[in-house]
Amino acid sequence: MTEHGPVSVVTVCGEIDVATAPTLQRRLAALYESDQLRLVVDLSGVTFCDSVGVSVLIGAARALSGRGRVHLVGLRPVLERLFEVTGIGSVFVIHPGLSTAIDAAGTFVPGR
């Protein structure tokens, strides 16, 4: 995880599956439970994401609901398509690049 001013960026690499998702869930929970409302998850290094991984991301979005948003960047086409077809993408703010995501997360005002 890196800090960019008020924005926390969690960079995820490799596979997000039943074996690795609990670690990601703990890292994300530590942030939103400490009232870090400006969160970017960089998925550009993710080679595979199963339903457990998607559930962890949705859980983070739900935990921040009304207080903040989860900004995603670096979605591989297959994951982006899954989010689009299922409607899951609407619970996140999806960005084309990391700097765009950091800028958007940094200007987020809770309650608006």
PDB file of N, CA and C in Angstrom:
ATOM      1  N   MET A   1       0.843  -1.179   0.000  1.00  0.00           N
ATOM      2  CA  MET A   1       0.000   0.000   0.000  1.00  0.00           C
ATOM      3  C   MET A   1       0.882   1.235   0.000  1.00  0.00           C
ATOM      4  N   THR A   2       0.463   2.244  -0.750  1.00  0.00           N
ATOM      5  CA  THR A   2       1.161   3.518  -0.765  1.00  0.00           C
ATOM      6  C   THR A   2       0.163   4.635  -0.488  1.00  0.00           C
ATOM      7  N   GLU A   3       0.684   5.714   0.035  1.00  0.00           N
ATOM      8  CA  GLU A   3      -0.147   6.887   0.322  1.00  0.00           C
ATOM      9  C   GLU A   3       0.175   7.978  -0.701  1.00  0.00           C
ATOM     10  N   HIS A   4      -0.849   8.581  -1.237  1.00  0.00           N
ATOM     11  CA  HIS A   4      -0.727   9.720  -2.135  1.00  0.00           C
ATOM     12  C   HIS A   4      -1.578  10.834  -1.542  1.00  0.00           C
ATOM     13  N   GLY A   5      -0.984  11.585  -0.613  1.00  0.00           N
ATOM     14  CA  GLY A   5      -1.758  12.577   0.122  1.00  0.00           C
ATOM     15  C   GLY A   5      -2.825  11.849   0.923  1.00  0.00           C
ATOM     16  N   PRO A   6      -4.095  12.248   0.757  1.00  0.00           N
ATOM     17  CA  PRO A   6      -5.167  11.613   1.537  1.00  0.00           C
ATOM     18  C   PRO A   6      -5.657  10.288   0.942  1.00  0.00           C
ATOM     19  N   VAL A   7      -5.052   9.860  -0.168  1.00  0.00           N
ATOM     20  CA  VAL A   7      -5.514   8.670  -0.885  1.00  0.00           C
ATOM     21  C   VAL A   7      -4.600   7.481  -0.599  1.00  0.00           C
ATOM     22  N   SER A   8      -5.200   6.353  -0.248  1.00  0.00           N
ATOM     23  CA  SER A   8      -4.454   5.103  -0.084  1.00  0.00           C
ATOM     24  C   SER A   8      -4.617   4.279  -1.350  1.00  0.00           C
ATOM     25  N   VAL A   9      -3.490   3.800  -1.874  1.00  0.00           N
ATOM     26  CA  VAL A   9      -3.511   2.944  -3.063  1.00  0.00           C
ATOM     27  C   VAL A   9      -3.052   1.556  -2.652  1.00  0.00           C
ATOM     28  N   VAL A  10      -3.927   0.583  -2.858  1.00  0.00           N
ATOM     29  CA  VAL A  10      -3.600  -0.812  -2.600  1.00  0.00           C
ATOM     30  C   VAL A  10      -3.321  -1.451  -3.953  1.00  0.00           C
ATOM     31  N   THR A  11      -2.096  -1.920  -4.146  1.00  0.00           N
ATOM     32  CA  THR A  11      -1.701  -2.562  -5.394  1.00  0.00           C
ATOM     33  C   THR A  11      -1.757  -4.065  -5.205  1.00  0.00           C
ATOM     34  N   VAL A  12      -2.515  -4.716  -6.058  1.00  0.00           N
ATOM     35  CA  VAL A  12      -2.723  -6.155  -5.954  1.00  0.00           C
ATOM     36  C   VAL A  12      -2.051  -6.833  -7.143  1.00  0.00           C
ATOM     37  N   CYS A  13      -1.308  -7.906  -6.875  1.00  0.00           N
ATOM     38  CA  CYS A  13      -0.613  -8.645  -7.934  1.00  0.00           C
ATOM     39  C   CYS A  13      -0.924 -10.129  -7.823  1.00  0.00           C
ATOM     40  N   GLY A  14      -0.849 -10.804  -8.954  1.00  0.00           N
ATOM     41  CA  GLY A  14      -1.063 -12.248  -8.971  1.00  0.00           C
ATOM     42  C   GLY A  14      -2.535 -12.594  -9.008  1.00  0.00           C
ATOM     43  N   GLU A  15      -2.875 -13.683  -8.351  1.00  0.00           N
ATOM     44  CA  GLU A  15      -4.244 -14.181  -8.354  1.00  0.00           C
ATOM     45  C   GLU A  15      -5.000 -13.769  -7.095  1.00  0.00           C
ATOM     46  N   ILE A  16      -6.262 -13.418  -7.292  1.00  0.00           N
ATOM     47  CA  ILE A  16      -7.160 -13.185  -6.157  1.00  0.00           C
ATOM     48  C   ILE A  16      -8.150 -14.340  -6.187  1.00  0.00           C
ATOM     49  N   ASP A  17      -7.976 -15.246  -5.267  1.00  0.00           N
ATOM     50  CA  ASP A  17      -8.823 -16.441  -5.227  1.00  0.00           C
ATOM     51  C   ASP A  17      -9.099 -16.820  -3.779  1.00  0.00           C
ATOM     52  N   VAL A  18      -9.651 -17.993  -3.587  1.00  0.00           N
ATOM     53  CA  VAL A  18     -10.040 -18.431  -2.251  1.00  0.00           C
ATOM     54  C   VAL A  18      -8.848 -18.456  -1.289  1.00  0.00           C
ATOM     55  N   ALA A  19      -7.649 -18.677  -1.806  1.00  0.00           N
ATOM     56  CA  ALA A  19      -6.462 -18.723  -0.944  1.00  0.00           C
ATOM     57  C   ALA A  19      -5.916 -17.348  -0.601  1.00  0.00           C
ATOM     58  N   THR A  20      -6.030 -16.389  -1.517  1.00  0.00           N
ATOM     59  CA  THR A  20      -5.406 -15.074  -1.309  1.00  0.00           C
ATOM     60  C   THR A  20      -6.391 -13.973  -0.930  1.00  0.00           C
ATOM     61  N   ALA A  21      -7.664 -14.176  -1.215  1.00  0.00           N
ATOM     62  CA  ALA A  21      -8.666 -13.139  -0.946  1.00  0.00           C
ATOM     63  C   ALA A  21      -8.739 -12.715   0.524  1.00  0.00           C
ATOM     64  N   PRO A  22      -8.585 -13.630   1.484  1.00  0.00           N
ATOM     65  CA  PRO A  22      -8.647 -13.193   2.878  1.00  0.00           C
ATOM     66  C   PRO A  22      -7.568 -12.158   3.243  1.00  0.00           C
ATOM     67  N   THR A  23      -6.392 -12.278   2.654  1.00  0.00           N
ATOM     68  CA  THR A  23      -5.337 -11.294   2.909  1.00  0.00           C
ATOM     69  C   THR A  23      -5.746  -9.935   2.362  1.00  0.00           C
ATOM     70  N   LEU A  24      -6.276  -9.915   1.143  1.00  0.00           N
ATOM     71  CA  LEU A  24      -6.746  -8.652   0.559  1.00  0.00           C
ATOM     72  C   LEU A  24      -7.877  -8.076   1.398  1.00  0.00           C
ATOM     73  N   GLN A  25      -8.791  -8.913   1.838  1.00  0.00           N
ATOM     74  CA  GLN A  25      -9.912  -8.439   2.647  1.00  0.00           C
ATOM     75  C   GLN A  25      -9.419  -7.788   3.934  1.00  0.00           C
ATOM     76  N   ARG A  26      -8.440  -8.397   4.589  1.00  0.00           N
ATOM     77  CA  ARG A  26      -7.897  -7.815   5.827  1.00  0.00           C
ATOM     78  C   ARG A  26      -7.228  -6.468   5.564  1.00  0.00           C
ATOM     79  N   ARG A  27      -6.490  -6.363   4.473  1.00  0.00           N
ATOM     80  CA  ARG A  27      -5.821  -5.092   4.156  1.00  0.00           C
ATOM     81  C   ARG A  27      -6.825  -3.990   3.859  1.00  0.00           C
ATOM     82  N   LEU A  28      -7.845  -4.318   3.092  1.00  0.00           N
ATOM     83  CA  LEU A  28      -8.866  -3.315   2.783  1.00  0.00           C
ATOM     84  C   LEU A  28      -9.651  -2.944   4.035  1.00  0.00           C
ATOM     85  N   ALA A  29     -10.014  -3.937   4.843  1.00  0.00           N
ATOM     86  CA  ALA A  29     -10.771  -3.673   6.076  1.00  0.00           C
ATOM     87  C   ALA A  29      -9.981  -2.789   7.026  1.00  0.00           C
ATOM     88  N   ALA A  30      -8.690  -3.008   7.122  1.00  0.00           N
ATOM     89  CA  ALA A  30      -7.862  -2.168   8.003  1.00  0.00           C
ATOM     90  C   ALA A  30      -7.942  -0.710   7.589  1.00  0.00           C
ATOM     91  N   LEU A  31      -8.051  -0.471   6.300  1.00  0.00           N
ATOM     92  CA  LEU A  31      -8.153   0.914   5.823  1.00  0.00           C
ATOM     93  C   LEU A  31      -9.527   1.506   6.108  1.00  0.00           C
ATOM     94  N   TYR A  32     -10.587   0.834   5.669  1.00  0.00           N
ATOM     95  CA  TYR A  32     -11.892   1.461   5.858  1.00  0.00           C
ATOM     96  C   TYR A  32     -12.348   1.446   7.306  1.00  0.00           C
ATOM     97  N   GLU A  33     -11.853   0.526   8.106  1.00  0.00           N
ATOM     98  CA  GLU A  33     -12.187   0.548   9.531  1.00  0.00           C
ATOM     99  C   GLU A  33     -11.449   1.661  10.269  1.00  0.00           C
ATOM    100  N   SER A  34     -10.382   2.169   9.676  1.00  0.00           N
ATOM    101  CA  SER A  34      -9.666   3.306  10.267  1.00  0.00           C
ATOM    102  C   SER A  34     -10.117   4.620   9.630  1.00  0.00           C
ATOM    103  N   ASP A  35     -11.296   4.573   8.993  1.00  0.00           N
ATOM    104  CA  ASP A  35     -11.908   5.740   8.358  1.00  0.00           C
ATOM    105  C   ASP A  35     -11.120   6.286   7.181  1.00  0.00           C
ATOM    106  N   GLN A  36     -10.372   5.427   6.498  1.00  0.00           N
ATOM    107  CA  GLN A  36      -9.750   5.828   5.240  1.00  0.00           C
ATOM    108  C   GLN A  36     -10.828   5.693   4.168  1.00  0.00           C
ATOM    109  N   LEU A  37     -11.342   6.844   3.733  1.00  0.00           N
ATOM    110  CA  LEU A  37     -12.471   6.871   2.805  1.00  0.00           C
ATOM    111  C   LEU A  37     -12.033   7.094   1.361  1.00  0.00           C
ATOM    112  N   ARG A  38     -10.763   7.335   1.151  1.00  0.00           N
ATOM    113  CA  ARG A  38     -10.236   7.610  -0.189  1.00  0.00           C
ATOM    114  C   ARG A  38      -9.331   6.449  -0.585  1.00  0.00           C
ATOM    115  N   LEU A  39      -9.944   5.484  -1.241  1.00  0.00           N
ATOM    116  CA  LEU A  39      -9.282   4.208  -1.486  1.00  0.00           C
ATOM    117  C   LEU A  39      -9.248   3.883  -2.977  1.00  0.00           C
ATOM    118  N   VAL A  40      -8.043   3.596  -3.477  1.00  0.00           N
ATOM    119  CA  VAL A  40      -7.842   3.149  -4.852  1.00  0.00           C
ATOM    120  C   VAL A  40      -7.261   1.741  -4.791  1.00  0.00           C
ATOM    121  N   VAL A  41      -7.844   0.836  -5.564  1.00  0.00           N
ATOM    122  CA  VAL A  41      -7.317  -0.518  -5.677  1.00  0.00           C
ATOM    123  C   VAL A  41      -6.797  -0.686  -7.102  1.00  0.00           C
ATOM    124  N   ASP A  42      -5.487  -0.888  -7.205  1.00  0.00           N
ATOM    125  CA  ASP A  42      -4.829  -1.056  -8.502  1.00  0.00           C
ATOM    126  C   ASP A  42      -4.766  -2.540  -8.815  1.00  0.00           C
ATOM    127  N   LEU A  43      -5.525  -2.960  -9.806  1.00  0.00           N
ATOM    128  CA  LEU A  43      -5.619  -4.368 -10.184  1.00  0.00           C
ATOM    129  C   LEU A  43      -4.804  -4.687 -11.433  1.00  0.00           C
ATOM    130  N   SER A  44      -3.949  -3.785 -11.858  1.00  0.00           N
ATOM    131  CA  SER A  44      -3.207  -3.990 -13.112  1.00  0.00           C
ATOM    132  C   SER A  44      -2.281  -5.199 -13.062  1.00  0.00           C
ATOM    133  N   GLY A  45      -1.875  -5.631 -11.884  1.00  0.00           N
ATOM    134  CA  GLY A  45      -1.015  -6.794 -11.752  1.00  0.00           C
ATOM    135  C   GLY A  45      -1.762  -8.089 -11.478  1.00  0.00           C
ATOM    136  N   VAL A  46      -3.091  -8.044 -11.507  1.00  0.00           N
ATOM    137  CA  VAL A  46      -3.898  -9.227 -11.212  1.00  0.00           C
ATOM    138  C   VAL A  46      -4.028 -10.077 -12.476  1.00  0.00           C
ATOM    139  N   THR A  47      -3.670 -11.343 -12.354  1.00  0.00           N
ATOM    140  CA  THR A  47      -3.734 -12.265 -13.491  1.00  0.00           C
ATOM    141  C   THR A  47      -4.997 -13.122 -13.486  1.00  0.00           C
ATOM    142  N   PHE A  48      -5.654 -13.212 -12.311  1.00  0.00           N
ATOM    143  CA  PHE A  48      -6.865 -14.011 -12.183  1.00  0.00           C
ATOM    144  C   PHE A  48      -7.637 -13.508 -10.978  1.00  0.00           C
ATOM    145  N   CYS A  49      -8.955 -13.484 -11.104  1.00  0.00           N
ATOM    146  CA  CYS A  49      -9.799 -13.087  -9.971  1.00  0.00           C
ATOM    147  C   CYS A  49     -11.058 -13.938 -10.023  1.00  0.00           C
ATOM    148  N   ASP A  50     -11.269 -14.742  -8.971  1.00  0.00           N
ATOM    149  CA  ASP A  50     -12.475 -15.567  -8.929  1.00  0.00           C
ATOM    150  C   ASP A  50     -13.580 -14.838  -8.168  1.00  0.00           C
ATOM    151  N   SER A  51     -14.689 -15.541  -7.962  1.00  0.00           N
ATOM    152  CA  SER A  51     -15.850 -14.916  -7.318  1.00  0.00           C
ATOM    153  C   SER A  51     -15.555 -14.488  -5.887  1.00  0.00           C
ATOM    154  N   VAL A  52     -14.649 -15.171  -5.214  1.00  0.00           N
ATOM    155  CA  VAL A  52     -14.287 -14.779  -3.848  1.00  0.00           C
ATOM    156  C   VAL A  52     -13.575 -13.427  -3.878  1.00  0.00           C
ATOM    157  N   GLY A  53     -12.698 -13.241  -4.844  1.00  0.00           N
ATOM    158  CA  GLY A  53     -12.005 -11.967  -4.992  1.00  0.00           C
ATOM    159  C   GLY A  53     -12.962 -10.827  -5.307  1.00  0.00           C
ATOM    160  N   VAL A  54     -13.897 -11.096  -6.203  1.00  0.00           N
ATOM    161  CA  VAL A  54     -14.907 -10.085  -6.540  1.00  0.00           C
ATOM    162  C   VAL A  54     -15.727  -9.746  -5.300  1.00  0.00           C
ATOM    163  N   SER A  55     -16.063 -10.755  -4.512  1.00  0.00           N
ATOM    164  CA  SER A  55     -16.833 -10.525  -3.281  1.00  0.00           C
ATOM    165  C   SER A  55     -16.079  -9.643  -2.295  1.00  0.00           C
ATOM    166  N   VAL A  56     -14.770  -9.808  -2.206  1.00  0.00           N
ATOM    167  CA  VAL A  56     -13.964  -8.962  -1.321  1.00  0.00           C
ATOM    168  C   VAL A  56     -14.038  -7.504  -1.780  1.00  0.00           C
ATOM    169  N   LEU A  57     -13.932  -7.274  -3.072  1.00  0.00           N
ATOM    170  CA  LEU A  57     -14.017  -5.907  -3.592  1.00  0.00           C
ATOM    171  C   LEU A  57     -15.399  -5.305  -3.340  1.00  0.00           C
ATOM    172  N   ILE A  58     -16.437  -6.099  -3.562  1.00  0.00           N
ATOM    173  CA  ILE A  58     -17.802  -5.624  -3.298  1.00  0.00           C
ATOM    174  C   ILE A  58     -17.984  -5.339  -1.812  1.00  0.00           C
ATOM    175  N   GLY A  59     -17.434  -6.184  -0.957  1.00  0.00           N
ATOM    176  CA  GLY A  59     -17.518  -5.964   0.489  1.00  0.00           C
ATOM    177  C   GLY A  59     -16.890  -4.649   0.901  1.00  0.00           C
ATOM    178  N   ALA A  60     -15.768  -4.307   0.290  1.00  0.00           N
ATOM    179  CA  ALA A  60     -15.124  -3.025   0.590  1.00  0.00           C
ATOM    180  C   ALA A  60     -16.008  -1.867   0.143  1.00  0.00           C
ATOM    181  N   ALA A  61     -16.597  -2.005  -1.036  1.00  0.00           N
ATOM    182  CA  ALA A  61     -17.493  -0.950  -1.533  1.00  0.00           C
ATOM    183  C   ALA A  61     -18.697  -0.786  -0.618  1.00  0.00           C
ATOM    184  N   ARG A  62     -19.251  -1.871  -0.162  1.00  0.00           N
ATOM    185  CA  ARG A  62     -20.407  -1.811   0.751  1.00  0.00           C
ATOM    186  C   ARG A  62     -20.011  -1.200   2.097  1.00  0.00           C
ATOM    187  N   ALA A  63     -18.833  -1.549   2.577  1.00  0.00           N
ATOM    188  CA  ALA A  63     -18.373  -1.012   3.863  1.00  0.00           C
ATOM    189  C   ALA A  63     -18.203   0.505   3.799  1.00  0.00           C
ATOM    190  N   LEU A  64     -17.835   1.002   2.629  1.00  0.00           N
ATOM    191  CA  LEU A  64     -17.644   2.445   2.476  1.00  0.00           C
ATOM    192  C   LEU A  64     -18.912   3.172   2.034  1.00  0.00           C
ATOM    193  N   SER A  65     -19.938   2.444   1.695  1.00  0.00           N
ATOM    194  CA  SER A  65     -21.166   3.029   1.168  1.00  0.00           C
ATOM    195  C   SER A  65     -21.670   4.173   2.048  1.00  0.00           C
ATOM    196  N   GLY A  66     -21.899   5.292   1.415  1.00  0.00           N
ATOM    197  CA  GLY A  66     -22.373   6.472   2.127  1.00  0.00           C
ATOM    198  C   GLY A  66     -21.265   7.291   2.763  1.00  0.00           C
ATOM    199  N   ARG A  67     -20.071   6.710   2.857  1.00  0.00           N
ATOM    200  CA  ARG A  67     -18.935   7.418   3.470  1.00  0.00           C
ATOM    201  C   ARG A  67     -17.806   7.649   2.473  1.00  0.00           C
ATOM    202  N   GLY A  68     -17.711   6.772   1.492  1.00  0.00           N
ATOM    203  CA  GLY A  68     -16.623   6.842   0.530  1.00  0.00           C
ATOM    204  C   GLY A  68     -16.890   5.902  -0.624  1.00  0.00           C
ATOM    205  N   ARG A  69     -15.945   5.826  -1.550  1.00  0.00           N
ATOM    206  CA  ARG A  69     -16.077   4.944  -2.713  1.00  0.00           C
ATOM    207  C   ARG A  69     -14.775   4.193  -2.923  1.00  0.00           C
ATOM    208  N   VAL A  70     -14.886   3.014  -3.499  1.00  0.00           N
ATOM    209  CA  VAL A  70     -13.715   2.263  -3.918  1.00  0.00           C
ATOM    210  C   VAL A  70     -13.471   2.603  -5.381  1.00  0.00           C
ATOM    211  N   HIS A  71     -12.291   3.108  -5.661  1.00  0.00           N
ATOM    212  CA  HIS A  71     -11.881   3.441  -7.018  1.00  0.00           C
ATOM    213  C   HIS A  71     -10.996   2.311  -7.528  1.00  0.00           C
ATOM    214  N   LEU A  72     -11.343   1.754  -8.688  1.00  0.00           N
ATOM    215  CA  LEU A  72     -10.573   0.660  -9.269  1.00  0.00           C
ATOM    216  C   LEU A  72      -9.839   1.140 -10.507  1.00  0.00           C
ATOM    217  N   VAL A  73      -8.668   0.581 -10.694  1.00  0.00           N
ATOM    218  CA  VAL A  73      -7.862   0.891 -11.869  1.00  0.00           C
ATOM    219  C   VAL A  73      -7.151  -0.385 -12.305  1.00  0.00           C
ATOM    220  N   GLY A  74      -6.879  -0.482 -13.592  1.00  0.00           N
ATOM    221  CA  GLY A  74      -6.096  -1.599 -14.109  1.00  0.00           C
ATOM    222  C   GLY A  74      -6.872  -2.883 -14.294  1.00  0.00           C
ATOM    223  N   LEU A  75      -8.176  -2.790 -14.512  1.00  0.00           N
ATOM    224  CA  LEU A  75      -8.966  -3.997 -14.725  1.00  0.00           C
ATOM    225  C   LEU A  75      -8.599  -4.637 -16.061  1.00  0.00           C
ATOM    226  N   ARG A  76      -8.342  -5.909 -16.048  1.00  0.00           N
ATOM    227  CA  ARG A  76      -8.120  -6.664 -17.290  1.00  0.00           C
ATOM    228  C   ARG A  76      -9.462  -6.748 -18.016  1.00  0.00           C
ATOM    229  N   PRO A  77      -9.433  -6.871 -19.337  1.00  0.00           N
ATOM    230  CA  PRO A  77     -10.695  -6.878 -20.102  1.00  0.00           C
ATOM    231  C   PRO A  77     -11.717  -7.904 -19.625  1.00  0.00           C
ATOM    232  N   VAL A  78     -11.284  -9.080 -19.235  1.00  0.00           N
ATOM    233  CA  VAL A  78     -12.243 -10.104 -18.818  1.00  0.00           C
ATOM    234  C   VAL A  78     -12.951  -9.701 -17.517  1.00  0.00           C
ATOM    235  N   LEU A  79     -12.238  -9.082 -16.599  1.00  0.00           N
ATOM    236  CA  LEU A  79     -12.848  -8.631 -15.346  1.00  0.00           C
ATOM    237  C   LEU A  79     -13.732  -7.416 -15.598  1.00  0.00           C
ATOM    238  N   GLU A  80     -13.277  -6.527 -16.451  1.00  0.00           N
ATOM    239  CA  GLU A  80     -14.086  -5.356 -16.793  1.00  0.00           C
ATOM    240  C   GLU A  80     -15.408  -5.795 -17.434  1.00  0.00           C
ATOM    241  N   ARG A  81     -15.341  -6.789 -18.302  1.00  0.00           N
ATOM    242  CA  ARG A  81     -16.545  -7.308 -18.962  1.00  0.00           C
ATOM    243  C   ARG A  81     -17.486  -7.949 -17.937  1.00  0.00           C
ATOM    244  N   LEU A  82     -16.928  -8.717 -16.998  1.00  0.00           N
ATOM    245  CA  LEU A  82     -17.740  -9.322 -15.941  1.00  0.00           C
ATOM    246  C   LEU A  82     -18.477  -8.246 -15.146  1.00  0.00           C
ATOM    247  N   PHE A  83     -17.762  -7.191 -14.783  1.00  0.00           N
ATOM    248  CA  PHE A  83     -18.378  -6.103 -14.026  1.00  0.00           C
ATOM    249  C   PHE A  83     -19.481  -5.427 -14.831  1.00  0.00           C
ATOM    250  N   GLU A  84     -19.243  -5.279 -16.126  1.00  0.00           N
ATOM    251  CA  GLU A  84     -20.222  -4.623 -16.997  1.00  0.00           C
ATOM    252  C   GLU A  84     -21.486  -5.480 -17.156  1.00  0.00           C
ATOM    253  N   VAL A  85     -21.305  -6.747 -17.477  1.00  0.00           N
ATOM    254  CA  VAL A  85     -22.437  -7.649 -17.735  1.00  0.00           C
ATOM    255  C   VAL A  85     -23.287  -7.864 -16.495  1.00  0.00           C
ATOM    256  N   THR A  86     -22.656  -7.986 -15.345  1.00  0.00           N
ATOM    257  CA  THR A  86     -23.391  -8.268 -14.107  1.00  0.00           C
ATOM    258  C   THR A  86     -23.920  -7.018 -13.420  1.00  0.00           C
ATOM    259  N   GLY A  87     -23.436  -5.863 -13.826  1.00  0.00           N
ATOM    260  CA  GLY A  87     -23.838  -4.618 -13.172  1.00  0.00           C
ATOM    261  C   GLY A  87     -23.029  -4.297 -11.934  1.00  0.00           C
ATOM    262  N   ILE A  88     -22.076  -5.152 -11.602  1.00  0.00           N
ATOM    263  CA  ILE A  88     -21.250  -4.956 -10.416  1.00  0.00           C
ATOM    264  C   ILE A  88     -20.433  -3.666 -10.517  1.00  0.00           C
ATOM    265  N   GLY A  89     -20.070  -3.312 -11.738  1.00  0.00           N
ATOM    266  CA  GLY A  89     -19.244  -2.122 -11.937  1.00  0.00           C
ATOM    267  C   GLY A  89     -19.843  -0.858 -11.365  1.00  0.00           C
ATOM    268  N   SER A  90     -21.149  -0.826 -11.196  1.00  0.00           N
ATOM    269  CA  SER A  90     -21.800   0.385 -10.685  1.00  0.00           C
ATOM    270  C   SER A  90     -21.507   0.653  -9.213  1.00  0.00           C
ATOM    271  N   VAL A  91     -21.009  -0.334  -8.483  1.00  0.00           N
ATOM    272  CA  VAL A  91     -20.689  -0.104  -7.071  1.00  0.00           C
ATOM    273  C   VAL A  91     -19.289   0.483  -6.890  1.00  0.00           C
ATOM    274  N   PHE A  92     -18.532   0.563  -7.989  1.00  0.00           N
ATOM    275  CA  PHE A  92     -17.175   1.110  -7.956  1.00  0.00           C
ATOM    276  C   PHE A  92     -17.086   2.324  -8.863  1.00  0.00           C
ATOM    277  N   VAL A  93     -16.003   3.050  -8.715  1.00  0.00           N
ATOM    278  CA  VAL A  93     -15.644   4.066  -9.689  1.00  0.00           C
ATOM    279  C   VAL A  93     -14.442   3.476 -10.432  1.00  0.00           C
ATOM    280  N   ILE A  94     -14.606   3.231 -11.723  1.00  0.00           N
ATOM    281  CA  ILE A  94     -13.566   2.574 -12.506  1.00  0.00           C
ATOM    282  C   ILE A  94     -12.857   3.621 -13.364  1.00  0.00           C
ATOM    283  N   HIS A  95     -11.529   3.590 -13.312  1.00  0.00           N
ATOM    284  CA  HIS A  95     -10.714   4.591 -13.999  1.00  0.00           C
ATOM    285  C   HIS A  95      -9.770   3.931 -15.003  1.00  0.00           C
ATOM    286  N   PRO A  96      -9.413   4.685 -16.048  1.00  0.00           N
ATOM    287  CA  PRO A  96      -8.497   4.139 -17.054  1.00  0.00           C
ATOM    288  C   PRO A  96      -7.032   4.135 -16.614  1.00  0.00           C
ATOM    289  N   GLY A  97      -6.684   4.982 -15.668  1.00  0.00           N
ATOM    290  CA  GLY A  97      -5.292   5.072 -15.238  1.00  0.00           C
ATOM    291  C   GLY A  97      -5.167   5.417 -13.763  1.00  0.00           C
ATOM    292  N   LEU A  98      -4.003   5.129 -13.205  1.00  0.00           N
ATOM    293  CA  LEU A  98      -3.786   5.338 -11.769  1.00  0.00           C
ATOM    294  C   LEU A  98      -3.864   6.802 -11.378  1.00  0.00           C
ATOM    295  N   SER A  99      -3.260   7.683 -12.157  1.00  0.00           N
ATOM    296  CA  SER A  99      -3.281   9.104 -11.780  1.00  0.00           C
ATOM    297  C   SER A  99      -4.702   9.656 -11.779  1.00  0.00           C
ATOM    298  N   THR A 100      -5.516   9.214 -12.725  1.00  0.00           N
ATOM    299  CA  THR A 100      -6.919   9.634 -12.767  1.00  0.00           C
ATOM    300  C   THR A 100      -7.664   9.158 -11.523  1.00  0.00           C
ATOM    301  N   ALA A 101      -7.399   7.916 -11.143  1.00  0.00           N
ATOM    302  CA  ALA A 101      -8.058   7.345  -9.958  1.00  0.00           C
ATOM    303  C   ALA A 101      -7.650   8.088  -8.694  1.00  0.00           C
ATOM    304  N   ILE A 102      -6.356   8.372  -8.557  1.00  0.00           N
ATOM    305  CA  ILE A 102      -5.866   9.090  -7.373  1.00  0.00           C
ATOM    306  C   ILE A 102      -6.471  10.483  -7.314  1.00  0.00           C
ATOM    307  N   ASP A 103      -6.499  11.175  -8.449  1.00  0.00           N
ATOM    308  CA  ASP A 103      -7.091  12.521  -8.489  1.00  0.00           C
ATOM    309  C   ASP A 103      -8.562  12.489  -8.089  1.00  0.00           C
ATOM    310  N   ALA A 104      -9.315  11.541  -8.652  1.00  0.00           N
ATOM    311  CA  ALA A 104     -10.747  11.452  -8.352  1.00  0.00           C
ATOM    312  C   ALA A 104     -10.995  11.084  -6.893  1.00  0.00           C
ATOM    313  N   ALA A 105     -10.232  10.133  -6.384  1.00  0.00           N
ATOM    314  CA  ALA A 105     -10.403   9.738  -4.983  1.00  0.00           C
ATOM    315  C   ALA A 105     -10.021  10.883  -4.049  1.00  0.00           C
ATOM    316  N   GLY A 106      -9.021  11.649  -4.431  1.00  0.00           N
ATOM    317  CA  GLY A 106      -8.554  12.763  -3.603  1.00  0.00           C
ATOM    318  C   GLY A 106      -9.532  13.919  -3.524  1.00  0.00           C
ATOM    319  N   THR A 107     -10.405  14.026  -4.525  1.00  0.00           N
ATOM    320  CA  THR A 107     -11.365  15.132  -4.527  1.00  0.00           C
ATOM    321  C   THR A 107     -12.745  14.699  -4.027  1.00  0.00           C
ATOM    322  N   PHE A 108     -12.866  13.436  -3.622  1.00  0.00           N
ATOM    323  CA  PHE A 108     -14.137  12.930  -3.117  1.00  0.00           C
ATOM    324  C   PHE A 108     -14.540  13.651  -1.846  1.00  0.00           C
ATOM    325  N   VAL A 109     -15.800  14.052  -1.797  1.00  0.00           N
ATOM    326  CA  VAL A 109     -16.352  14.677  -0.594  1.00  0.00           C
ATOM    327  C   VAL A 109     -17.478  13.781  -0.081  1.00  0.00           C
ATOM    328  N   PRO A 110     -17.299  13.167   1.101  1.00  0.00           N
ATOM    329  CA  PRO A 110     -18.342  12.293   1.643  1.00  0.00           C
ATOM    330  C   PRO A 110     -19.677  13.015   1.741  1.00  0.00           C
ATOM    331  N   GLY A 111     -20.762  12.294   1.437  1.00  0.00           N
ATOM    332  CA  GLY A 111     -22.096  12.855   1.542  1.00  0.00           C
ATOM    333  C   GLY A 111     -22.574  13.549   0.287  1.00  0.00           C
ATOM    334  N   ARG A 112     -21.740  13.603  -0.731  1.00  0.00           N
ATOM    335  CA  ARG A 112     -22.159  14.228  -2.000  1.00  0.00           C
ATOM    336  C   ARG A 112     -22.338  13.209  -3.060  1.00  0.00           C
TER     337      ARG A 112
END
